[in-house]
Amino acid sequence: MTRAKDAKITLYPNGPLLLRGSYVIEDESGRAIELPKRAIALCRCGKSGQKPWCDGTHKLVGFEAEAPTG
């Protein structure tokens, strides 16, 4: 992922990472991935049927993540 000045990442408890602002996500070859919209949710539970995008499956599987520290 390439960072940009106005990109913001929000960690939702037991849910996805929400990216807002101006950013580029690249695949393993360095090619930019076409994004569905300006704000996107990335899956953290690993169960989404639309990886890497979140599809809400974390709620169905009871995904729990530790709270971030720092």
C-alpha atoms as a PDB file:
ATOM      1  CA  MET A   1       0.000   0.000   0.000  1.00  0.00           C
ATOM      2  CA  THR A   2       1.286   3.458  -0.822  1.00  0.00           C
ATOM      3  CA  ARG A   3       0.622   6.076   1.841  1.00  0.00           C
ATOM      4  CA  ALA A   4      -0.786   9.498   1.083  1.00  0.00           C
ATOM      5  CA  LYS A   5      -1.064  12.616   3.237  1.00  0.00           C
ATOM      6  CA  ASP A   6      -4.817  12.527   3.618  1.00  0.00           C
ATOM      7  CA  ALA A   7      -5.315   8.769   3.991  1.00  0.00           C
ATOM      8  CA  LYS A   8      -6.947   7.702   7.240  1.00  0.00           C
ATOM      9  CA  ILE A   9      -7.257   4.149   8.581  1.00  0.00           C
ATOM     10  CA  THR A  10      -9.845   3.429  11.267  1.00  0.00           C
ATOM     11  CA  LEU A  11      -9.733   0.141  13.162  1.00  0.00           C
ATOM     12  CA  TYR A  12     -13.212  -1.062  14.095  1.00  0.00           C
ATOM     13  CA  PRO A  13     -13.392  -3.331  17.161  1.00  0.00           C
ATOM     14  CA  ASN A  14     -14.016  -6.912  16.014  1.00  0.00           C
ATOM     15  CA  GLY A  15     -14.515  -5.604  12.496  1.00  0.00           C
ATOM     16  CA  PRO A  16     -12.715  -4.314   9.427  1.00  0.00           C
ATOM     17  CA  LEU A  17     -10.111  -1.677   8.754  1.00  0.00           C
ATOM     18  CA  LEU A  18     -11.806   1.294   7.111  1.00  0.00           C
ATOM     19  CA  LEU A  19      -9.663   3.320   4.699  1.00  0.00           C
ATOM     20  CA  ARG A  20     -10.727   6.830   3.750  1.00  0.00           C
ATOM     21  CA  GLY A  21      -9.091   9.540   1.725  1.00  0.00           C
ATOM     22  CA  SER A  22      -6.484   9.380  -1.000  1.00  0.00           C
ATOM     23  CA  TYR A  23      -4.448   6.164  -1.214  1.00  0.00           C
ATOM     24  CA  VAL A  24      -3.295   3.448  -3.595  1.00  0.00           C
ATOM     25  CA  ILE A  25      -3.459  -0.274  -2.888  1.00  0.00           C
ATOM     26  CA  GLU A  26      -1.101  -2.436  -4.919  1.00  0.00           C
ATOM     27  CA  ASP A  27      -0.963  -6.167  -5.606  1.00  0.00           C
ATOM     28  CA  GLU A  28       2.172  -8.245  -5.038  1.00  0.00           C
ATOM     29  CA  SER A  29       3.507  -7.144  -8.446  1.00  0.00           C
ATOM     30  CA  GLY A  30       3.177  -3.457  -7.628  1.00  0.00           C
ATOM     31  CA  ARG A  31       0.155  -2.917  -9.883  1.00  0.00           C
ATOM     32  CA  ALA A  32      -2.542  -0.604  -8.528  1.00  0.00           C
ATOM     33  CA  ILE A  33      -5.794  -2.372  -7.679  1.00  0.00           C
ATOM     34  CA  GLU A  34      -8.946  -0.700  -8.960  1.00  0.00           C
ATOM     35  CA  LEU A  35     -10.925   0.365  -5.915  1.00  0.00           C
ATOM     36  CA  PRO A  36     -14.718   0.081  -5.694  1.00  0.00           C
ATOM     37  CA  LYS A  37     -15.076   3.466  -3.960  1.00  0.00           C
ATOM     38  CA  ARG A  38     -13.085   6.153  -2.128  1.00  0.00           C
ATOM     39  CA  ALA A  39     -13.749   4.686   1.344  1.00  0.00           C
ATOM     40  CA  ILE A  40     -13.246   0.931   1.605  1.00  0.00           C
ATOM     41  CA  ALA A  41     -13.371  -1.684   4.353  1.00  0.00           C
ATOM     42  CA  LEU A  42     -10.631  -4.321   4.434  1.00  0.00           C
ATOM     43  CA  CYS A  43     -11.338  -7.749   5.919  1.00  0.00           C
ATOM     44  CA  ARG A  44      -9.515  -8.704   9.133  1.00  0.00           C
ATOM     45  CA  CYS A  45     -11.351 -11.935   9.953  1.00  0.00           C
ATOM     46  CA  GLY A  46     -10.176 -13.834   6.869  1.00  0.00           C
ATOM     47  CA  LYS A  47     -13.663 -15.190   6.110  1.00  0.00           C
ATOM     48  CA  SER A  48     -14.961 -12.605   3.612  1.00  0.00           C
ATOM     49  CA  GLY A  49     -16.185 -13.935   0.293  1.00  0.00           C
ATOM     50  CA  GLN A  50     -14.884 -10.733  -1.343  1.00  0.00           C
ATOM     51  CA  LYS A  51     -11.314 -10.621   0.019  1.00  0.00           C
ATOM     52  CA  PRO A  52      -9.572  -8.315   0.564  1.00  0.00           C
ATOM     53  CA  TRP A  53     -12.820  -6.335   0.995  1.00  0.00           C
ATOM     54  CA  CYS A  54     -15.019  -6.810   4.053  1.00  0.00           C
ATOM     55  CA  ASP A  55     -18.475  -8.249   3.351  1.00  0.00           C
ATOM     56  CA  GLY A  56     -19.720  -8.330   6.959  1.00  0.00           C
ATOM     57  CA  THR A  57     -18.954 -12.029   7.522  1.00  0.00           C
ATOM     58  CA  HIS A  58     -17.041 -11.145  10.716  1.00  0.00           C
ATOM     59  CA  LYS A  59     -20.422 -10.672  12.420  1.00  0.00           C
ATOM     60  CA  LEU A  60     -21.645 -14.121  11.351  1.00  0.00           C
ATOM     61  CA  VAL A  61     -18.507 -15.955  12.496  1.00  0.00           C
ATOM     62  CA  GLY A  62     -18.143 -14.074  15.786  1.00  0.00           C
ATOM     63  CA  PHE A  63     -14.746 -12.586  14.921  1.00  0.00           C
ATOM     64  CA  GLU A  64     -13.027 -11.012  17.898  1.00  0.00           C
ATOM     65  CA  ALA A  65      -9.772  -9.075  17.862  1.00  0.00           C
ATOM     66  CA  GLU A  66      -7.711  -7.726  20.699  1.00  0.00           C
ATOM     67  CA  ALA A  67      -7.943  -3.989  21.244  1.00  0.00           C
ATOM     68  CA  PRO A  68      -4.952  -2.101  19.848  1.00  0.00           C
ATOM     69  CA  THR A  69      -2.413  -0.881  22.347  1.00  0.00           C
ATOM     70  CA  GLY A  70      -0.395   2.268  22.263  1.00  0.00           C
END
